[in-house]
Amino acid sequence: MSLGITEITLILVVILLLFGGKRIPELARALGKASYEFKKAKEVIKKETDELKDAIEDVQEKPEEYKPNDV
């Protein structure tokens, strides 16, 4: 389902009426910051996942090096 020009215009008019012209730049800035933080967090999670994957592969390749100590 795709939005046409009429729907997009209607949405923009409603946003303008609800928030006013002065608040829209603030909202856009907040959305931009939120998007940046989300992308940054996603990259951190991907990096940590890759590191864990590599560590698991190392253990699977050389299991004798990672045996628990005798108690």
PDB file of N, CA and C in Angstrom:
ATOM      1  N   MET A   1       0.846  -1.175   0.000  1.00  0.00           N
ATOM      2  CA  MET A   1       0.000   0.000   0.000  1.00  0.00           C
ATOM      3  C   MET A   1       0.892   1.239   0.000  1.00  0.00           C
ATOM      4  N   SER A   2       0.631   2.100  -0.922  1.00  0.00           N
ATOM      5  CA  SER A   2       1.454   3.284  -1.111  1.00  0.00           C
ATOM      6  C   SER A   2       0.642   4.542  -0.831  1.00  0.00           C
ATOM      7  N   LEU A   3       1.313   5.541  -0.298  1.00  0.00           N
ATOM      8  CA  LEU A   3       0.647   6.819  -0.053  1.00  0.00           C
ATOM      9  C   LEU A   3       0.746   7.697  -1.290  1.00  0.00           C
ATOM     10  N   GLY A   4      -0.362   8.290  -1.654  1.00  0.00           N
ATOM     11  CA  GLY A   4      -0.377   9.213  -2.777  1.00  0.00           C
ATOM     12  C   GLY A   4      -0.072  10.621  -2.312  1.00  0.00           C
ATOM     13  N   ILE A   5      -0.016  11.540  -3.258  1.00  0.00           N
ATOM     14  CA  ILE A   5       0.295  12.932  -2.938  1.00  0.00           C
ATOM     15  C   ILE A   5      -0.790  13.548  -2.060  1.00  0.00           C
ATOM     16  N   THR A   6      -2.037  13.145  -2.257  1.00  0.00           N
ATOM     17  CA  THR A   6      -3.138  13.691  -1.451  1.00  0.00           C
ATOM     18  C   THR A   6      -2.996  13.283   0.006  1.00  0.00           C
ATOM     19  N   GLU A   7      -2.681  12.008   0.250  1.00  0.00           N
ATOM     20  CA  GLU A   7      -2.529  11.535   1.621  1.00  0.00           C
ATOM     21  C   GLU A   7      -1.350  12.205   2.314  1.00  0.00           C
ATOM     22  N   ILE A   8      -0.248  12.340   1.602  1.00  0.00           N
ATOM     23  CA  ILE A   8       0.944  12.972   2.182  1.00  0.00           C
ATOM     24  C   ILE A   8       0.649  14.433   2.516  1.00  0.00           C
ATOM     25  N   THR A   9      -0.035  15.130   1.614  1.00  0.00           N
ATOM     26  CA  THR A   9      -0.392  16.531   1.861  1.00  0.00           C
ATOM     27  C   THR A   9      -1.305  16.652   3.074  1.00  0.00           C
ATOM     28  N   LEU A  10      -2.265  15.775   3.180  1.00  0.00           N
ATOM     29  CA  LEU A  10      -3.190  15.788   4.312  1.00  0.00           C
ATOM     30  C   LEU A  10      -2.441  15.546   5.626  1.00  0.00           C
ATOM     31  N   ILE A  11      -1.520  14.611   5.624  1.00  0.00           N
ATOM     32  CA  ILE A  11      -0.731  14.326   6.825  1.00  0.00           C
ATOM     33  C   ILE A  11       0.102  15.545   7.219  1.00  0.00           C
ATOM     34  N   LEU A  12       0.736  16.177   6.247  1.00  0.00           N
ATOM     35  CA  LEU A  12       1.551  17.365   6.535  1.00  0.00           C
ATOM     36  C   LEU A  12       0.706  18.512   7.081  1.00  0.00           C
ATOM     37  N   VAL A  13      -0.493  18.710   6.545  1.00  0.00           N
ATOM     38  CA  VAL A  13      -1.382  19.761   7.037  1.00  0.00           C
ATOM     39  C   VAL A  13      -1.804  19.482   8.472  1.00  0.00           C
ATOM     40  N   VAL A  14      -2.126  18.236   8.768  1.00  0.00           N
ATOM     41  CA  VAL A  14      -2.524  17.872  10.130  1.00  0.00           C
ATOM     42  C   VAL A  14      -1.362  18.092  11.096  1.00  0.00           C
ATOM     43  N   ILE A  15      -0.163  17.709  10.706  1.00  0.00           N
ATOM     44  CA  ILE A  15       1.017  17.924  11.556  1.00  0.00           C
ATOM     45  C   ILE A  15       1.231  19.414  11.787  1.00  0.00           C
ATOM     46  N   LEU A  16       1.103  20.204  10.739  1.00  0.00           N
ATOM     47  CA  LEU A  16       1.269  21.650  10.868  1.00  0.00           C
ATOM     48  C   LEU A  16       0.230  22.249  11.808  1.00  0.00           C
ATOM     49  N   LEU A  17      -1.013  21.783  11.706  1.00  0.00           N
ATOM     50  CA  LEU A  17      -2.067  22.288  12.586  1.00  0.00           C
ATOM     51  C   LEU A  17      -1.859  21.861  14.037  1.00  0.00           C
ATOM     52  N   LEU A  18      -1.421  20.630  14.234  1.00  0.00           N
ATOM     53  CA  LEU A  18      -1.239  20.122  15.597  1.00  0.00           C
ATOM     54  C   LEU A  18      -0.058  20.759  16.312  1.00  0.00           C
ATOM     55  N   PHE A  19       1.049  20.891  15.621  1.00  0.00           N
ATOM     56  CA  PHE A  19       2.275  21.315  16.284  1.00  0.00           C
ATOM     57  C   PHE A  19       2.663  22.759  16.005  1.00  0.00           C
ATOM     58  N   GLY A  20       2.161  23.349  14.964  1.00  0.00           N
ATOM     59  CA  GLY A  20       2.531  24.722  14.638  1.00  0.00           C
ATOM     60  C   GLY A  20       3.859  24.787  13.908  1.00  0.00           C
ATOM     61  N   GLY A  21       4.074  25.887  13.251  1.00  0.00           N
ATOM     62  CA  GLY A  21       5.277  26.047  12.436  1.00  0.00           C
ATOM     63  C   GLY A  21       6.565  26.102  13.224  1.00  0.00           C
ATOM     64  N   LYS A  22       6.516  26.604  14.450  1.00  0.00           N
ATOM     65  CA  LYS A  22       7.735  26.744  15.249  1.00  0.00           C
ATOM     66  C   LYS A  22       8.218  25.414  15.822  1.00  0.00           C
ATOM     67  N   ARG A  23       7.308  24.498  16.073  1.00  0.00           N
ATOM     68  CA  ARG A  23       7.685  23.227  16.700  1.00  0.00           C
ATOM     69  C   ARG A  23       8.177  22.193  15.699  1.00  0.00           C
ATOM     70  N   ILE A  24       7.836  22.346  14.438  1.00  0.00           N
ATOM     71  CA  ILE A  24       8.208  21.334  13.440  1.00  0.00           C
ATOM     72  C   ILE A  24       9.731  21.175  13.321  1.00  0.00           C
ATOM     73  N   PRO A  25      10.535  22.245  13.279  1.00  0.00           N
ATOM     74  CA  PRO A  25      11.990  22.042  13.237  1.00  0.00           C
ATOM     75  C   PRO A  25      12.517  21.315  14.473  1.00  0.00           C
ATOM     76  N   GLU A  26      11.941  21.598  15.634  1.00  0.00           N
ATOM     77  CA  GLU A  26      12.352  20.899  16.858  1.00  0.00           C
ATOM     78  C   GLU A  26      12.037  19.405  16.751  1.00  0.00           C
ATOM     79  N   LEU A  27      10.856  19.096  16.252  1.00  0.00           N
ATOM     80  CA  LEU A  27      10.470  17.697  16.089  1.00  0.00           C
ATOM     81  C   LEU A  27      11.365  16.990  15.077  1.00  0.00           C
ATOM     82  N   ALA A  28      11.662  17.673  13.981  1.00  0.00           N
ATOM     83  CA  ALA A  28      12.539  17.078  12.965  1.00  0.00           C
ATOM     84  C   ALA A  28      13.933  16.830  13.527  1.00  0.00           C
ATOM     85  N   ARG A  29      14.434  17.763  14.309  1.00  0.00           N
ATOM     86  CA  ARG A  29      15.748  17.607  14.931  1.00  0.00           C
ATOM     87  C   ARG A  29      15.745  16.424  15.899  1.00  0.00           C
ATOM     88  N   ALA A  30      14.684  16.310  16.695  1.00  0.00           N
ATOM     89  CA  ALA A  30      14.580  15.201  17.641  1.00  0.00           C
ATOM     90  C   ALA A  30      14.499  13.866  16.906  1.00  0.00           C
ATOM     91  N   LEU A  31      13.751  13.824  15.805  1.00  0.00           N
ATOM     92  CA  LEU A  31      13.669  12.591  15.018  1.00  0.00           C
ATOM     93  C   LEU A  31      15.031  12.234  14.421  1.00  0.00           C
ATOM     94  N   GLY A  32      15.763  13.235  13.966  1.00  0.00           N
ATOM     95  CA  GLY A  32      17.099  12.993  13.417  1.00  0.00           C
ATOM     96  C   GLY A  32      18.047  12.434  14.461  1.00  0.00           C
ATOM     97  N   LYS A  33      18.015  13.013  15.662  1.00  0.00           N
ATOM     98  CA  LYS A  33      18.870  12.513  16.747  1.00  0.00           C
ATOM     99  C   LYS A  33      18.486  11.090  17.136  1.00  0.00           C
ATOM    100  N   ALA A  34      17.182  10.827  17.207  1.00  0.00           N
ATOM    101  CA  ALA A  34      16.718   9.488  17.561  1.00  0.00           C
ATOM    102  C   ALA A  34      17.151   8.477  16.506  1.00  0.00           C
ATOM    103  N   SER A  35      17.056   8.859  15.242  1.00  0.00           N
ATOM    104  CA  SER A  35      17.487   7.976  14.159  1.00  0.00           C
ATOM    105  C   SER A  35      18.983   7.696  14.246  1.00  0.00           C
ATOM    106  N   TYR A  36      19.776   8.731  14.532  1.00  0.00           N
ATOM    107  CA  TYR A  36      21.225   8.569  14.671  1.00  0.00           C
ATOM    108  C   TYR A  36      21.559   7.626  15.825  1.00  0.00           C
ATOM    109  N   GLU A  37      20.906   7.834  16.970  1.00  0.00           N
ATOM    110  CA  GLU A  37      21.165   6.982  18.135  1.00  0.00           C
ATOM    111  C   GLU A  37      20.767   5.531  17.858  1.00  0.00           C
ATOM    112  N   PHE A  38      19.660   5.348  17.139  1.00  0.00           N
ATOM    113  CA  PHE A  38      19.232   3.992  16.800  1.00  0.00           C
ATOM    114  C   PHE A  38      20.257   3.306  15.912  1.00  0.00           C
ATOM    115  N   LYS A  39      20.750   4.015  14.895  1.00  0.00           N
ATOM    116  CA  LYS A  39      21.748   3.431  14.004  1.00  0.00           C
ATOM    117  C   LYS A  39      23.037   3.120  14.754  1.00  0.00           C
ATOM    118  N   LYS A  40      23.427   4.010  15.667  1.00  0.00           N
ATOM    119  CA  LYS A  40      24.649   3.795  16.450  1.00  0.00           C
ATOM    120  C   LYS A  40      24.501   2.554  17.338  1.00  0.00           C
ATOM    121  N   ALA A  41      23.349   2.429  17.994  1.00  0.00           N
ATOM    122  CA  ALA A  41      23.112   1.266  18.849  1.00  0.00           C
ATOM    123  C   ALA A  41      23.078  -0.012  18.022  1.00  0.00           C
ATOM    124  N   LYS A  42      22.490   0.063  16.835  1.00  0.00           N
ATOM    125  CA  LYS A  42      22.431  -1.108  15.961  1.00  0.00           C
ATOM    126  C   LYS A  42      23.834  -1.558  15.558  1.00  0.00           C
ATOM    127  N   GLU A  43      24.718  -0.600  15.280  1.00  0.00           N
ATOM    128  CA  GLU A  43      26.095  -0.936  14.918  1.00  0.00           C
ATOM    129  C   GLU A  43      26.836  -1.575  16.087  1.00  0.00           C
ATOM    130  N   VAL A  44      26.614  -1.066  17.302  1.00  0.00           N
ATOM    131  CA  VAL A  44      27.258  -1.633  18.487  1.00  0.00           C
ATOM    132  C   VAL A  44      26.794  -3.066  18.703  1.00  0.00           C
ATOM    133  N   ILE A  45      25.507  -3.301  18.575  1.00  0.00           N
ATOM    134  CA  ILE A  45      24.964  -4.650  18.758  1.00  0.00           C
ATOM    135  C   ILE A  45      25.518  -5.583  17.691  1.00  0.00           C
ATOM    136  N   LYS A  46      25.598  -5.111  16.441  1.00  0.00           N
ATOM    137  CA  LYS A  46      26.140  -5.951  15.377  1.00  0.00           C
ATOM    138  C   LYS A  46      27.601  -6.292  15.648  1.00  0.00           C
ATOM    139  N   LYS A  47      28.377  -5.309  16.123  1.00  0.00           N
ATOM    140  CA  LYS A  47      29.790  -5.548  16.420  1.00  0.00           C
ATOM    141  C   LYS A  47      29.934  -6.581  17.535  1.00  0.00           C
ATOM    142  N   GLU A  48      29.134  -6.442  18.603  1.00  0.00           N
ATOM    143  CA  GLU A  48      29.199  -7.391  19.706  1.00  0.00           C
ATOM    144  C   GLU A  48      28.764  -8.784  19.269  1.00  0.00           C
ATOM    145  N   THR A  49      27.756  -8.854  18.421  1.00  0.00           N
ATOM    146  CA  THR A  49      27.298 -10.143  17.906  1.00  0.00           C
ATOM    147  C   THR A  49      28.383 -10.810  17.079  1.00  0.00           C
ATOM    148  N   ASP A  50      29.059 -10.041  16.237  1.00  0.00           N
ATOM    149  CA  ASP A  50      30.144 -10.592  15.434  1.00  0.00           C
ATOM    150  C   ASP A  50      31.293 -11.089  16.318  1.00  0.00           C
ATOM    151  N   GLU A  51      31.607 -10.336  17.381  1.00  0.00           N
ATOM    152  CA  GLU A  51      32.665 -10.763  18.287  1.00  0.00           C
ATOM    153  C   GLU A  51      32.296 -12.064  18.993  1.00  0.00           C
ATOM    154  N   LEU A  52      31.043 -12.181  19.433  1.00  0.00           N
ATOM    155  CA  LEU A  52      30.597 -13.420  20.072  1.00  0.00           C
ATOM    156  C   LEU A  52      30.617 -14.587  19.098  1.00  0.00           C
ATOM    157  N   LYS A  53      30.212 -14.334  17.869  1.00  0.00           N
ATOM    158  CA  LYS A  53      30.223 -15.373  16.844  1.00  0.00           C
ATOM    159  C   LYS A  53      31.650 -15.860  16.604  1.00  0.00           C
ATOM    160  N   ASP A  54      32.597 -14.917  16.519  1.00  0.00           N
ATOM    161  CA  ASP A  54      33.995 -15.294  16.321  1.00  0.00           C
ATOM    162  C   ASP A  54      34.522 -16.098  17.510  1.00  0.00           C
ATOM    163  N   ALA A  55      34.144 -15.701  18.722  1.00  0.00           N
ATOM    164  CA  ALA A  55      34.595 -16.423  19.910  1.00  0.00           C
ATOM    165  C   ALA A  55      34.032 -17.843  19.923  1.00  0.00           C
ATOM    166  N   ILE A  56      32.782 -18.003  19.543  1.00  0.00           N
ATOM    167  CA  ILE A  56      32.175 -19.340  19.492  1.00  0.00           C
ATOM    168  C   ILE A  56      32.859 -20.192  18.442  1.00  0.00           C
ATOM    169  N   GLU A  57      33.175 -19.602  17.296  1.00  0.00           N
ATOM    170  CA  GLU A  57      33.878 -20.358  16.258  1.00  0.00           C
ATOM    171  C   GLU A  57      35.260 -20.783  16.733  1.00  0.00           C
ATOM    172  N   ASP A  58      35.948 -19.926  17.497  1.00  0.00           N
ATOM    173  CA  ASP A  58      37.258 -20.281  18.035  1.00  0.00           C
ATOM    174  C   ASP A  58      37.145 -21.476  18.977  1.00  0.00           C
ATOM    175  N   VAL A  59      36.139 -21.479  19.822  1.00  0.00           N
ATOM    176  CA  VAL A  59      35.939 -22.581  20.762  1.00  0.00           C
ATOM    177  C   VAL A  59      35.631 -23.866  20.004  1.00  0.00           C
ATOM    178  N   GLN A  60      34.842 -23.771  18.961  1.00  0.00           N
ATOM    179  CA  GLN A  60      34.492 -24.964  18.192  1.00  0.00           C
ATOM    180  C   GLN A  60      35.687 -25.515  17.428  1.00  0.00           C
ATOM    181  N   GLU A  61      36.590 -24.651  16.981  1.00  0.00           N
ATOM    182  CA  GLU A  61      37.762 -25.089  16.239  1.00  0.00           C
ATOM    183  C   GLU A  61      38.812 -25.725  17.152  1.00  0.00           C
ATOM    184  N   LYS A  62      38.972 -25.194  18.368  1.00  0.00           N
ATOM    185  CA  LYS A  62      39.998 -25.690  19.296  1.00  0.00           C
ATOM    186  C   LYS A  62      39.381 -25.928  20.678  1.00  0.00           C
ATOM    187  N   PRO A  63      38.531 -26.927  20.804  1.00  0.00           N
ATOM    188  CA  PRO A  63      37.845 -27.131  22.090  1.00  0.00           C
ATOM    189  C   PRO A  63      38.788 -27.527  23.226  1.00  0.00           C
ATOM    190  N   GLU A  64      39.923 -28.150  22.922  1.00  0.00           N
ATOM    191  CA  GLU A  64      40.836 -28.579  23.987  1.00  0.00           C
ATOM    192  C   GLU A  64      41.448 -27.395  24.736  1.00  0.00           C
ATOM    193  N   GLU A  65      41.548 -26.260  24.105  1.00  0.00           N
ATOM    194  CA  GLU A  65      42.106 -25.074  24.748  1.00  0.00           C
ATOM    195  C   GLU A  65      41.129 -24.420  25.713  1.00  0.00           C
ATOM    196  N   TYR A  66      39.861 -24.750  25.598  1.00  0.00           N
ATOM    197  CA  TYR A  66      38.841 -24.061  26.392  1.00  0.00           C
ATOM    198  C   TYR A  66      38.120 -24.982  27.367  1.00  0.00           C
ATOM    199  N   LYS A  67      38.785 -26.086  27.776  1.00  0.00           N
ATOM    200  CA  LYS A  67      38.173 -26.993  28.758  1.00  0.00           C
ATOM    201  C   LYS A  67      38.185 -26.318  30.131  1.00  0.00           C
ATOM    202  N   PRO A  68      37.114 -26.514  30.922  1.00  0.00           N
ATOM    203  CA  PRO A  68      37.089 -25.929  32.271  1.00  0.00           C
ATOM    204  C   PRO A  68      38.148 -26.581  33.156  1.00  0.00           C
ATOM    205  N   ASN A  69      38.645 -25.828  34.113  1.00  0.00           N
ATOM    206  CA  ASN A  69      39.649 -26.333  35.053  1.00  0.00           C
ATOM    207  C   ASN A  69      39.036 -27.370  35.980  1.00  0.00           C
ATOM    208  N   ASP A  70      39.853 -28.339  36.397  1.00  0.00           N
ATOM    209  CA  ASP A  70      39.375 -29.322  37.370  1.00  0.00           C
ATOM    210  C   ASP A  70      39.199 -28.664  38.719  1.00  0.00           C
ATOM    211  N   VAL A  71      38.142 -29.024  39.414  1.00  0.00           N
ATOM    212  CA  VAL A  71      37.860 -28.430  40.711  1.00  0.00           C
ATOM    213  C   VAL A  71      38.467 -29.234  41.802  1.00  0.00           C
TER     214      VAL A  71
END
